[in-house]
N, C-alpha and C. Protein backbone atom coordinates (compact mmCIF):
# COMPACT_ATOMS: atom_id res chain seq x y z
N MET A 1 27.73 -149.43 51.31
CA MET A 1 29.01 -148.95 50.83
C MET A 1 29.56 -147.91 51.80
N SER A 2 30.81 -148.04 52.19
CA SER A 2 31.41 -147.10 53.12
C SER A 2 31.81 -145.83 52.39
N THR A 3 32.03 -144.75 53.19
CA THR A 3 32.48 -143.49 52.61
C THR A 3 33.80 -143.68 51.89
N ALA A 4 34.70 -144.44 52.48
CA ALA A 4 36.00 -144.66 51.85
C ALA A 4 35.86 -145.36 50.52
N ASP A 5 34.95 -146.36 50.43
CA ASP A 5 34.72 -147.04 49.16
C ASP A 5 34.19 -146.07 48.11
N ALA A 6 33.27 -145.19 48.52
CA ALA A 6 32.65 -144.28 47.57
C ALA A 6 33.65 -143.26 47.04
N THR A 7 34.62 -142.85 47.88
CA THR A 7 35.57 -141.84 47.44
C THR A 7 36.52 -142.39 46.39
N THR A 8 36.67 -143.69 46.31
CA THR A 8 37.56 -144.27 45.30
C THR A 8 36.79 -144.95 44.17
N ARG A 9 35.50 -145.22 44.36
CA ARG A 9 34.73 -145.93 43.36
C ARG A 9 34.43 -145.04 42.16
N PRO A 10 34.76 -145.48 40.94
CA PRO A 10 34.39 -144.69 39.76
C PRO A 10 32.88 -144.57 39.66
N GLY A 11 32.40 -143.44 39.22
CA GLY A 11 30.97 -143.23 39.04
C GLY A 11 30.27 -142.64 40.24
N ALA A 12 30.98 -142.41 41.34
CA ALA A 12 30.35 -141.82 42.52
C ALA A 12 30.44 -140.30 42.44
N VAL A 13 29.44 -139.63 43.00
CA VAL A 13 29.48 -138.19 43.21
C VAL A 13 29.31 -137.94 44.70
N LEU A 14 29.50 -136.69 45.11
CA LEU A 14 29.47 -136.39 46.55
C LEU A 14 28.15 -136.81 47.20
N ALA A 15 27.04 -136.64 46.52
CA ALA A 15 25.74 -137.01 47.10
C ALA A 15 25.64 -138.49 47.42
N ASP A 16 26.40 -139.31 46.70
CA ASP A 16 26.36 -140.75 46.94
C ASP A 16 26.98 -141.13 48.28
N LEU A 17 27.71 -140.19 48.89
CA LEU A 17 28.33 -140.47 50.18
C LEU A 17 27.35 -140.32 51.34
N LEU A 18 26.19 -139.75 51.08
CA LEU A 18 25.18 -139.62 52.12
C LEU A 18 24.49 -140.97 52.31
N PRO A 19 24.49 -141.48 53.53
CA PRO A 19 23.93 -142.82 53.74
C PRO A 19 22.42 -142.87 53.53
N ALA A 20 21.97 -143.97 52.98
CA ALA A 20 20.53 -144.20 52.82
C ALA A 20 20.32 -145.70 52.79
N ALA A 21 19.84 -146.25 53.92
CA ALA A 21 19.63 -147.69 54.02
C ALA A 21 18.28 -148.05 53.41
N GLY A 22 18.32 -148.75 52.30
CA GLY A 22 17.09 -149.20 51.66
C GLY A 22 16.62 -148.25 50.57
N ALA A 23 15.79 -148.79 49.68
CA ALA A 23 15.33 -148.04 48.52
C ALA A 23 14.45 -146.86 48.90
N THR A 24 13.60 -147.03 49.91
CA THR A 24 12.70 -145.95 50.30
C THR A 24 13.47 -144.77 50.84
N ARG A 25 14.44 -145.03 51.69
CA ARG A 25 15.26 -143.94 52.24
C ARG A 25 16.12 -143.30 51.16
N ALA A 26 16.59 -144.10 50.22
CA ALA A 26 17.38 -143.54 49.12
C ALA A 26 16.53 -142.59 48.28
N ARG A 27 15.28 -142.96 48.03
CA ARG A 27 14.39 -142.08 47.27
C ARG A 27 14.10 -140.80 48.04
N ALA A 28 13.89 -140.92 49.34
CA ALA A 28 13.64 -139.73 50.17
C ALA A 28 14.87 -138.83 50.19
N ARG A 29 16.06 -139.44 50.30
CA ARG A 29 17.30 -138.66 50.26
C ARG A 29 17.43 -137.92 48.95
N ASP A 30 17.17 -138.62 47.84
CA ASP A 30 17.30 -138.01 46.52
C ASP A 30 16.30 -136.87 46.34
N ALA A 31 15.07 -137.07 46.81
CA ALA A 31 14.06 -136.02 46.70
C ALA A 31 14.49 -134.77 47.49
N ALA A 32 15.04 -135.00 48.69
CA ALA A 32 15.51 -133.87 49.49
C ALA A 32 16.68 -133.16 48.82
N LEU A 33 17.59 -133.92 48.22
CA LEU A 33 18.73 -133.33 47.53
C LEU A 33 18.27 -132.52 46.31
N ILE A 34 17.32 -133.05 45.57
CA ILE A 34 16.81 -132.35 44.39
C ILE A 34 16.13 -131.04 44.79
N ALA A 35 15.28 -131.10 45.81
CA ALA A 35 14.62 -129.88 46.28
C ALA A 35 15.63 -128.91 46.87
N GLY A 36 16.59 -129.43 47.61
CA GLY A 36 17.61 -128.57 48.21
C GLY A 36 18.48 -127.88 47.16
N GLY A 37 18.80 -128.60 46.09
CA GLY A 37 19.58 -127.99 45.02
C GLY A 37 18.82 -126.87 44.32
N ALA A 38 17.52 -127.09 44.10
CA ALA A 38 16.69 -126.04 43.51
C ALA A 38 16.62 -124.82 44.42
N ALA A 39 16.43 -125.06 45.73
CA ALA A 39 16.36 -123.96 46.69
C ALA A 39 17.68 -123.20 46.76
N LEU A 40 18.80 -123.92 46.76
CA LEU A 40 20.11 -123.27 46.79
C LEU A 40 20.29 -122.36 45.58
N THR A 41 19.88 -122.86 44.41
CA THR A 41 20.00 -122.06 43.19
C THR A 41 19.12 -120.82 43.27
N GLY A 42 17.90 -120.99 43.77
CA GLY A 42 17.00 -119.85 43.92
C GLY A 42 17.51 -118.81 44.90
N ILE A 43 18.10 -119.26 46.00
CA ILE A 43 18.66 -118.33 46.98
C ILE A 43 19.87 -117.61 46.38
N ALA A 44 20.74 -118.37 45.71
CA ALA A 44 21.93 -117.76 45.11
C ALA A 44 21.57 -116.76 44.02
N ALA A 45 20.43 -116.96 43.35
CA ALA A 45 20.00 -116.03 42.31
C ALA A 45 19.67 -114.66 42.87
N GLN A 46 19.37 -114.59 44.16
CA GLN A 46 19.04 -113.30 44.76
C GLN A 46 20.28 -112.48 45.08
N ILE A 47 21.44 -113.08 44.99
CA ILE A 47 22.70 -112.33 45.08
C ILE A 47 22.94 -111.81 43.67
N ALA A 48 22.48 -110.62 43.39
CA ALA A 48 22.50 -110.09 42.02
C ALA A 48 23.02 -108.65 42.01
N LEU A 49 24.00 -108.41 41.16
CA LEU A 49 24.56 -107.08 40.99
C LEU A 49 24.35 -106.64 39.55
N PRO A 50 23.80 -105.45 39.33
CA PRO A 50 23.57 -105.00 37.95
C PRO A 50 24.88 -104.75 37.22
N VAL A 51 24.85 -104.97 35.91
CA VAL A 51 25.99 -104.69 35.05
C VAL A 51 25.59 -103.54 34.13
N PRO A 52 26.29 -102.42 34.19
CA PRO A 52 25.92 -101.28 33.34
C PRO A 52 25.87 -101.67 31.86
N GLY A 53 24.78 -101.31 31.20
CA GLY A 53 24.63 -101.59 29.78
C GLY A 53 24.19 -102.99 29.44
N SER A 54 23.87 -103.80 30.46
CA SER A 54 23.46 -105.18 30.20
C SER A 54 22.21 -105.51 30.99
N PRO A 55 21.27 -106.24 30.38
CA PRO A 55 20.10 -106.69 31.15
C PRO A 55 20.41 -107.91 32.02
N VAL A 56 21.63 -108.43 31.93
CA VAL A 56 22.02 -109.63 32.67
C VAL A 56 22.83 -109.22 33.89
N PRO A 57 22.37 -109.53 35.10
CA PRO A 57 23.15 -109.19 36.29
C PRO A 57 24.19 -110.27 36.61
N VAL A 58 25.15 -109.89 37.41
CA VAL A 58 26.05 -110.87 38.00
C VAL A 58 25.31 -111.52 39.16
N THR A 59 25.21 -112.84 39.17
CA THR A 59 24.48 -113.53 40.24
C THR A 59 25.29 -114.72 40.75
N GLY A 60 24.81 -115.28 41.84
CA GLY A 60 25.41 -116.50 42.36
C GLY A 60 24.76 -117.76 41.81
N GLN A 61 23.71 -117.62 40.99
CA GLN A 61 22.95 -118.80 40.59
C GLN A 61 23.73 -119.71 39.65
N THR A 62 24.58 -119.15 38.79
CA THR A 62 25.33 -120.03 37.89
C THR A 62 26.30 -120.91 38.67
N PHE A 63 26.96 -120.32 39.67
CA PHE A 63 27.87 -121.09 40.51
C PHE A 63 27.11 -122.17 41.26
N ALA A 64 25.94 -121.81 41.80
CA ALA A 64 25.13 -122.79 42.52
C ALA A 64 24.71 -123.92 41.60
N ALA A 65 24.29 -123.59 40.38
CA ALA A 65 23.84 -124.63 39.44
C ALA A 65 24.97 -125.60 39.10
N LEU A 66 26.17 -125.07 38.92
CA LEU A 66 27.31 -125.95 38.61
C LEU A 66 27.67 -126.83 39.81
N LEU A 67 27.61 -126.26 41.01
CA LEU A 67 27.89 -127.06 42.21
C LEU A 67 26.82 -128.13 42.42
N VAL A 68 25.57 -127.78 42.14
CA VAL A 68 24.49 -128.77 42.26
C VAL A 68 24.74 -129.92 41.30
N GLY A 69 25.08 -129.62 40.06
CA GLY A 69 25.37 -130.68 39.10
C GLY A 69 26.52 -131.56 39.53
N ALA A 70 27.62 -130.93 39.95
CA ALA A 70 28.80 -131.70 40.35
C ALA A 70 28.53 -132.55 41.58
N SER A 71 27.77 -132.02 42.52
CA SER A 71 27.54 -132.72 43.78
C SER A 71 26.48 -133.82 43.66
N LEU A 72 25.47 -133.59 42.82
CA LEU A 72 24.36 -134.54 42.75
C LEU A 72 24.48 -135.53 41.60
N GLY A 73 25.26 -135.22 40.59
CA GLY A 73 25.33 -136.08 39.42
C GLY A 73 24.33 -135.65 38.37
N ALA A 74 24.43 -136.24 37.19
CA ALA A 74 23.64 -135.78 36.05
C ALA A 74 22.13 -135.89 36.27
N GLY A 75 21.66 -137.04 36.72
CA GLY A 75 20.22 -137.24 36.86
C GLY A 75 19.59 -136.34 37.91
N ARG A 76 20.15 -136.36 39.12
CA ARG A 76 19.59 -135.51 40.18
C ARG A 76 19.83 -134.03 39.87
N GLY A 77 20.99 -133.71 39.25
CA GLY A 77 21.26 -132.33 38.87
C GLY A 77 20.25 -131.81 37.87
N PHE A 78 19.93 -132.64 36.86
CA PHE A 78 18.92 -132.27 35.87
C PHE A 78 17.56 -132.04 36.55
N LEU A 79 17.16 -132.95 37.42
CA LEU A 79 15.87 -132.81 38.10
C LEU A 79 15.84 -131.58 39.00
N SER A 80 16.94 -131.31 39.67
CA SER A 80 17.01 -130.16 40.57
C SER A 80 16.88 -128.85 39.81
N LEU A 81 17.64 -128.69 38.73
CA LEU A 81 17.55 -127.45 37.94
C LEU A 81 16.25 -127.40 37.14
N GLY A 82 15.73 -128.58 36.78
CA GLY A 82 14.41 -128.61 36.15
C GLY A 82 13.33 -128.12 37.09
N LEU A 83 13.41 -128.53 38.35
CA LEU A 83 12.46 -128.06 39.36
C LEU A 83 12.59 -126.56 39.55
N TYR A 84 13.83 -126.08 39.62
CA TYR A 84 14.07 -124.64 39.75
C TYR A 84 13.42 -123.88 38.58
N ALA A 85 13.65 -124.36 37.35
CA ALA A 85 13.10 -123.69 36.17
C ALA A 85 11.57 -123.75 36.15
N LEU A 86 11.00 -124.92 36.42
CA LEU A 86 9.55 -125.07 36.36
C LEU A 86 8.83 -124.22 37.40
N LEU A 87 9.35 -124.20 38.62
CA LEU A 87 8.71 -123.38 39.66
C LEU A 87 8.83 -121.90 39.35
N GLY A 88 9.98 -121.49 38.79
CA GLY A 88 10.13 -120.10 38.39
C GLY A 88 9.20 -119.73 37.25
N MET A 89 9.04 -120.65 36.29
CA MET A 89 8.11 -120.41 35.18
C MET A 89 6.67 -120.33 35.69
N ALA A 90 6.37 -121.08 36.75
CA ALA A 90 5.02 -121.10 37.30
C ALA A 90 4.71 -119.87 38.16
N GLY A 91 5.73 -119.03 38.41
CA GLY A 91 5.48 -117.79 39.13
C GLY A 91 6.24 -117.60 40.42
N LEU A 92 6.99 -118.62 40.87
CA LEU A 92 7.77 -118.43 42.09
C LEU A 92 8.88 -117.43 41.80
N PRO A 93 8.95 -116.33 42.54
CA PRO A 93 9.90 -115.26 42.19
C PRO A 93 11.33 -115.54 42.69
N TRP A 94 11.97 -116.55 42.12
CA TRP A 94 13.31 -116.89 42.59
C TRP A 94 14.34 -116.94 41.47
N PHE A 95 14.01 -116.38 40.30
CA PHE A 95 15.05 -116.12 39.32
C PHE A 95 15.80 -114.86 39.77
N ALA A 96 16.81 -114.45 39.03
CA ALA A 96 17.61 -113.29 39.42
C ALA A 96 16.72 -112.07 39.66
N ASN A 97 17.02 -111.34 40.72
CA ASN A 97 16.27 -110.14 41.10
C ASN A 97 14.81 -110.41 41.40
N GLY A 98 14.48 -111.62 41.84
CA GLY A 98 13.11 -111.95 42.20
C GLY A 98 12.17 -112.08 41.01
N ALA A 99 12.72 -112.31 39.82
CA ALA A 99 11.89 -112.45 38.63
C ALA A 99 11.31 -113.86 38.55
N SER A 100 10.31 -114.01 37.68
CA SER A 100 9.73 -115.31 37.40
C SER A 100 9.20 -115.29 35.98
N GLY A 101 8.76 -116.45 35.50
CA GLY A 101 8.22 -116.54 34.14
C GLY A 101 9.28 -116.92 33.14
N ALA A 102 8.83 -117.21 31.92
CA ALA A 102 9.73 -117.70 30.88
C ALA A 102 10.01 -116.66 29.80
N GLY A 103 9.49 -115.44 29.96
CA GLY A 103 9.60 -114.48 28.87
C GLY A 103 10.74 -113.50 28.97
N GLY A 104 11.49 -113.52 30.06
CA GLY A 104 12.53 -112.52 30.24
C GLY A 104 13.76 -112.75 29.37
N ALA A 105 14.54 -111.69 29.21
CA ALA A 105 15.73 -111.76 28.37
C ALA A 105 16.77 -112.73 28.93
N THR A 106 16.74 -112.98 30.23
CA THR A 106 17.76 -113.83 30.84
C THR A 106 17.29 -115.28 31.04
N PHE A 107 16.09 -115.61 30.57
CA PHE A 107 15.59 -116.97 30.79
C PHE A 107 16.45 -118.02 30.08
N GLY A 108 17.10 -117.64 29.01
CA GLY A 108 17.99 -118.58 28.33
C GLY A 108 19.11 -119.07 29.21
N TYR A 109 19.55 -118.23 30.14
CA TYR A 109 20.60 -118.66 31.07
C TYR A 109 20.08 -119.73 32.02
N VAL A 110 18.81 -119.63 32.39
CA VAL A 110 18.20 -120.66 33.24
C VAL A 110 18.18 -122.00 32.49
N LEU A 111 17.78 -121.96 31.22
CA LEU A 111 17.79 -123.19 30.42
C LEU A 111 19.21 -123.72 30.24
N GLY A 112 20.16 -122.80 30.06
CA GLY A 112 21.56 -123.21 29.96
C GLY A 112 22.06 -123.86 31.23
N MET A 113 21.60 -123.37 32.38
CA MET A 113 22.01 -123.97 33.65
C MET A 113 21.47 -125.38 33.80
N LEU A 114 20.29 -125.63 33.28
CA LEU A 114 19.73 -126.98 33.30
C LEU A 114 20.63 -127.93 32.51
N LEU A 115 21.02 -127.50 31.34
CA LEU A 115 21.92 -128.31 30.51
C LEU A 115 23.28 -128.45 31.17
N ALA A 116 23.79 -127.35 31.73
CA ALA A 116 25.12 -127.37 32.34
C ALA A 116 25.18 -128.28 33.57
N ALA A 117 24.16 -128.23 34.41
CA ALA A 117 24.14 -129.08 35.61
C ALA A 117 24.18 -130.55 35.22
N THR A 118 23.48 -130.88 34.14
CA THR A 118 23.46 -132.27 33.67
C THR A 118 24.84 -132.69 33.16
N ALA A 119 25.46 -131.84 32.35
CA ALA A 119 26.78 -132.16 31.80
C ALA A 119 27.84 -132.21 32.89
N VAL A 120 27.81 -131.24 33.80
CA VAL A 120 28.78 -131.22 34.89
C VAL A 120 28.61 -132.44 35.78
N GLY A 121 27.36 -132.84 36.02
CA GLY A 121 27.10 -134.04 36.81
C GLY A 121 27.65 -135.28 36.14
N ALA A 122 27.51 -135.36 34.82
CA ALA A 122 28.05 -136.51 34.09
C ALA A 122 29.58 -136.53 34.16
N LEU A 123 30.20 -135.36 34.04
CA LEU A 123 31.66 -135.29 34.14
C LEU A 123 32.14 -135.62 35.56
N ALA A 124 31.37 -135.18 36.56
CA ALA A 124 31.74 -135.49 37.95
C ALA A 124 31.71 -137.00 38.19
N ARG A 125 30.78 -137.70 37.58
CA ARG A 125 30.72 -139.15 37.72
C ARG A 125 31.93 -139.83 37.08
N ARG A 126 32.63 -139.10 36.22
CA ARG A 126 33.85 -139.62 35.60
C ARG A 126 35.10 -139.05 36.28
N GLY A 127 34.93 -138.49 37.47
CA GLY A 127 36.07 -137.97 38.22
C GLY A 127 36.41 -136.53 37.92
N GLY A 128 35.51 -135.80 37.25
CA GLY A 128 35.79 -134.43 36.87
C GLY A 128 35.81 -133.43 38.00
N ASP A 129 35.52 -133.87 39.23
CA ASP A 129 35.57 -132.98 40.38
C ASP A 129 36.56 -133.46 41.44
N ARG A 130 37.44 -134.39 41.08
CA ARG A 130 38.32 -135.00 42.07
C ARG A 130 39.66 -134.26 42.22
N GLY A 131 40.10 -133.56 41.21
CA GLY A 131 41.37 -132.83 41.28
C GLY A 131 41.18 -131.40 40.81
N PRO A 132 42.08 -130.48 41.20
CA PRO A 132 41.91 -129.07 40.85
C PRO A 132 41.81 -128.81 39.35
N LEU A 133 42.70 -129.37 38.55
CA LEU A 133 42.68 -129.08 37.12
C LEU A 133 41.46 -129.69 36.44
N ARG A 134 41.09 -130.91 36.85
CA ARG A 134 39.89 -131.52 36.27
C ARG A 134 38.64 -130.74 36.66
N THR A 135 38.62 -130.21 37.88
CA THR A 135 37.48 -129.41 38.32
C THR A 135 37.35 -128.14 37.50
N VAL A 136 38.47 -127.48 37.23
CA VAL A 136 38.43 -126.27 36.40
C VAL A 136 37.89 -126.61 35.02
N GLY A 137 38.35 -127.71 34.44
CA GLY A 137 37.85 -128.11 33.13
C GLY A 137 36.36 -128.40 33.15
N THR A 138 35.91 -129.08 34.19
CA THR A 138 34.49 -129.40 34.33
C THR A 138 33.65 -128.13 34.44
N MET A 139 34.10 -127.19 35.26
CA MET A 139 33.38 -125.93 35.42
C MET A 139 33.39 -125.13 34.12
N ALA A 140 34.49 -125.20 33.37
CA ALA A 140 34.57 -124.47 32.10
C ALA A 140 33.55 -125.02 31.10
N VAL A 141 33.41 -126.34 31.06
CA VAL A 141 32.41 -126.94 30.17
C VAL A 141 31.00 -126.48 30.55
N GLY A 142 30.69 -126.53 31.84
CA GLY A 142 29.37 -126.10 32.30
C GLY A 142 29.11 -124.63 32.00
N THR A 143 30.10 -123.79 32.24
CA THR A 143 29.95 -122.36 31.98
C THR A 143 29.72 -122.10 30.49
N ALA A 144 30.48 -122.79 29.64
CA ALA A 144 30.32 -122.62 28.19
C ALA A 144 28.91 -123.01 27.75
N LEU A 145 28.36 -124.06 28.34
CA LEU A 145 27.00 -124.48 27.99
C LEU A 145 25.96 -123.43 28.40
N ILE A 146 26.17 -122.81 29.55
CA ILE A 146 25.24 -121.76 29.99
C ILE A 146 25.22 -120.62 28.97
N TYR A 147 26.39 -120.20 28.54
CA TYR A 147 26.46 -119.10 27.57
C TYR A 147 25.97 -119.54 26.19
N ALA A 148 26.19 -120.80 25.84
CA ALA A 148 25.78 -121.28 24.52
C ALA A 148 24.27 -121.19 24.34
N VAL A 149 23.53 -121.29 25.43
CA VAL A 149 22.07 -121.14 25.37
C VAL A 149 21.67 -119.70 25.73
N GLY A 150 22.29 -119.15 26.76
CA GLY A 150 21.88 -117.84 27.27
C GLY A 150 22.11 -116.69 26.32
N VAL A 151 23.26 -116.66 25.65
CA VAL A 151 23.57 -115.51 24.78
C VAL A 151 22.67 -115.48 23.54
N PRO A 152 22.49 -116.58 22.80
CA PRO A 152 21.56 -116.52 21.67
C PRO A 152 20.12 -116.18 22.09
N PHE A 153 19.69 -116.71 23.25
CA PHE A 153 18.35 -116.39 23.75
C PHE A 153 18.25 -114.90 24.04
N LEU A 154 19.30 -114.32 24.63
CA LEU A 154 19.33 -112.89 24.91
C LEU A 154 19.21 -112.09 23.61
N ALA A 155 19.96 -112.50 22.58
CA ALA A 155 19.90 -111.81 21.30
C ALA A 155 18.50 -111.89 20.69
N LEU A 156 17.90 -113.07 20.71
CA LEU A 156 16.57 -113.25 20.11
C LEU A 156 15.50 -112.49 20.88
N SER A 157 15.58 -112.54 22.20
CA SER A 157 14.50 -111.94 23.00
C SER A 157 14.56 -110.42 23.03
N THR A 158 15.74 -109.85 22.82
CA THR A 158 15.87 -108.39 22.87
C THR A 158 16.02 -107.76 21.49
N GLY A 159 16.29 -108.57 20.48
CA GLY A 159 16.55 -108.02 19.15
C GLY A 159 17.96 -107.50 18.98
N MET A 160 18.83 -107.75 19.94
CA MET A 160 20.22 -107.32 19.83
C MET A 160 20.92 -108.09 18.70
N PRO A 161 21.85 -107.44 17.99
CA PRO A 161 22.74 -108.22 17.13
C PRO A 161 23.55 -109.19 17.99
N PHE A 162 23.96 -110.32 17.40
CA PHE A 162 24.63 -111.34 18.20
C PHE A 162 25.90 -110.79 18.86
N GLY A 163 26.67 -110.00 18.14
CA GLY A 163 27.89 -109.43 18.71
C GLY A 163 27.61 -108.57 19.92
N GLN A 164 26.53 -107.81 19.87
CA GLN A 164 26.15 -106.99 21.02
C GLN A 164 25.71 -107.87 22.19
N ALA A 165 25.01 -108.96 21.88
CA ALA A 165 24.59 -109.88 22.94
C ALA A 165 25.80 -110.52 23.61
N VAL A 166 26.82 -110.85 22.83
CA VAL A 166 28.06 -111.38 23.42
C VAL A 166 28.70 -110.34 24.32
N ALA A 167 28.74 -109.09 23.85
CA ALA A 167 29.36 -108.02 24.63
C ALA A 167 28.59 -107.74 25.92
N ALA A 168 27.25 -107.89 25.87
CA ALA A 168 26.42 -107.59 27.05
C ALA A 168 26.19 -108.80 27.94
N GLY A 169 26.18 -109.99 27.33
CA GLY A 169 25.77 -111.17 28.09
C GLY A 169 26.84 -112.20 28.34
N LEU A 170 28.08 -111.93 27.92
CA LEU A 170 29.17 -112.87 28.15
C LEU A 170 30.43 -112.18 28.65
N VAL A 171 30.91 -111.20 27.90
CA VAL A 171 32.22 -110.59 28.20
C VAL A 171 32.31 -110.03 29.62
N PRO A 172 31.28 -109.32 30.13
CA PRO A 172 31.43 -108.75 31.47
C PRO A 172 31.54 -109.79 32.59
N PHE A 173 31.25 -111.04 32.27
CA PHE A 173 31.17 -112.06 33.32
C PHE A 173 32.38 -112.99 33.36
N LEU A 174 33.32 -112.82 32.46
CA LEU A 174 34.43 -113.77 32.34
C LEU A 174 35.32 -113.78 33.57
N ILE A 175 35.60 -112.61 34.13
CA ILE A 175 36.44 -112.56 35.33
C ILE A 175 35.74 -113.24 36.50
N GLY A 176 34.45 -112.96 36.67
CA GLY A 176 33.69 -113.63 37.73
C GLY A 176 33.64 -115.13 37.55
N ASP A 177 33.53 -115.57 36.29
CA ASP A 177 33.50 -117.01 36.03
C ASP A 177 34.83 -117.66 36.39
N ALA A 178 35.93 -116.94 36.14
CA ALA A 178 37.25 -117.47 36.51
C ALA A 178 37.35 -117.60 38.03
N LEU A 179 36.81 -116.63 38.75
CA LEU A 179 36.83 -116.70 40.22
C LEU A 179 35.97 -117.86 40.73
N LYS A 180 34.81 -118.07 40.10
CA LYS A 180 33.95 -119.19 40.50
C LYS A 180 34.65 -120.53 40.24
N ALA A 181 35.35 -120.63 39.12
CA ALA A 181 36.08 -121.86 38.82
C ALA A 181 37.17 -122.09 39.85
N ALA A 182 37.83 -121.01 40.27
CA ALA A 182 38.88 -121.14 41.29
C ALA A 182 38.30 -121.60 42.62
N LEU A 183 37.12 -121.08 42.98
CA LEU A 183 36.47 -121.52 44.21
C LEU A 183 36.12 -123.00 44.13
N ALA A 184 35.55 -123.41 43.01
CA ALA A 184 35.20 -124.82 42.84
C ALA A 184 36.44 -125.69 42.85
N MET A 185 37.54 -125.19 42.26
CA MET A 185 38.79 -125.93 42.20
C MET A 185 39.30 -126.26 43.61
N GLY A 186 39.02 -125.36 44.55
CA GLY A 186 39.40 -125.63 45.93
C GLY A 186 38.37 -126.44 46.68
N ALA A 187 37.09 -126.13 46.46
CA ALA A 187 36.03 -126.71 47.29
C ALA A 187 35.76 -128.18 46.99
N LEU A 188 35.61 -128.54 45.73
CA LEU A 188 35.17 -129.90 45.42
C LEU A 188 36.25 -130.95 45.72
N PRO A 189 37.50 -130.78 45.26
CA PRO A 189 38.50 -131.78 45.63
C PRO A 189 38.74 -131.86 47.14
N THR A 190 38.62 -130.71 47.82
CA THR A 190 38.79 -130.72 49.28
C THR A 190 37.68 -131.52 49.95
N ALA A 191 36.45 -131.37 49.46
CA ALA A 191 35.33 -132.14 50.02
C ALA A 191 35.59 -133.64 49.87
N TRP A 192 36.09 -134.06 48.71
CA TRP A 192 36.41 -135.47 48.52
C TRP A 192 37.48 -135.95 49.49
N LYS A 193 38.50 -135.14 49.69
CA LYS A 193 39.59 -135.53 50.62
C LYS A 193 39.08 -135.65 52.04
N LEU A 194 38.28 -134.67 52.48
CA LEU A 194 37.76 -134.69 53.85
C LEU A 194 36.85 -135.89 54.07
N LEU A 195 35.98 -136.16 53.10
CA LEU A 195 35.07 -137.28 53.24
C LEU A 195 35.81 -138.60 53.19
N GLY A 196 36.88 -138.66 52.42
CA GLY A 196 37.70 -139.87 52.39
C GLY A 196 38.38 -140.15 53.71
N ARG A 197 38.83 -139.09 54.36
CA ARG A 197 39.46 -139.26 55.68
C ARG A 197 38.45 -139.72 56.73
N ARG A 198 37.21 -139.17 56.62
CA ARG A 198 36.16 -139.58 57.57
C ARG A 198 35.84 -141.05 57.44
N GLY A 199 35.88 -141.54 56.17
CA GLY A 199 35.55 -142.95 55.95
C GLY A 199 36.61 -143.85 56.46
């Protein structure tokens, strides 16, 4: 399949544009993409800024997780964020601020990113990353899923009342999330256009 065919074919994601002749090379490509997505998320998690009054820092990992989902699709996105979560649970210090393990107050956000990458990947396969407005909608769905898991986990793990968990684990991040959506709104449709021209 040519790059031009993939840019117009329903069900394609950006990763599908990478050539792989034969099943063995396709599996090797997918394994590299899955590992690369996990590594990207782990590296982005180290970009962390503390938020006064909140145990949840501002990080780049949520943006990375959403981009991984959109670029790789639901299956590879799920495996990539699953690998990220499992290695972090096993002790690799690549959660936010070099943390690891499953017991921290922010681990719910990691689980939410796993769910979000899968959903965003499924939406991308339906064209959710092809235009600016659709991309914003896709990113909004993924972001909402991260908070839907992360905020209740934060409340349960710290004993915070739910309203306080929302104030500490959601509200301070809304402006940053809008900026991340704006970046994705420019980056993903532009990538499709550039790859279409190359094909």
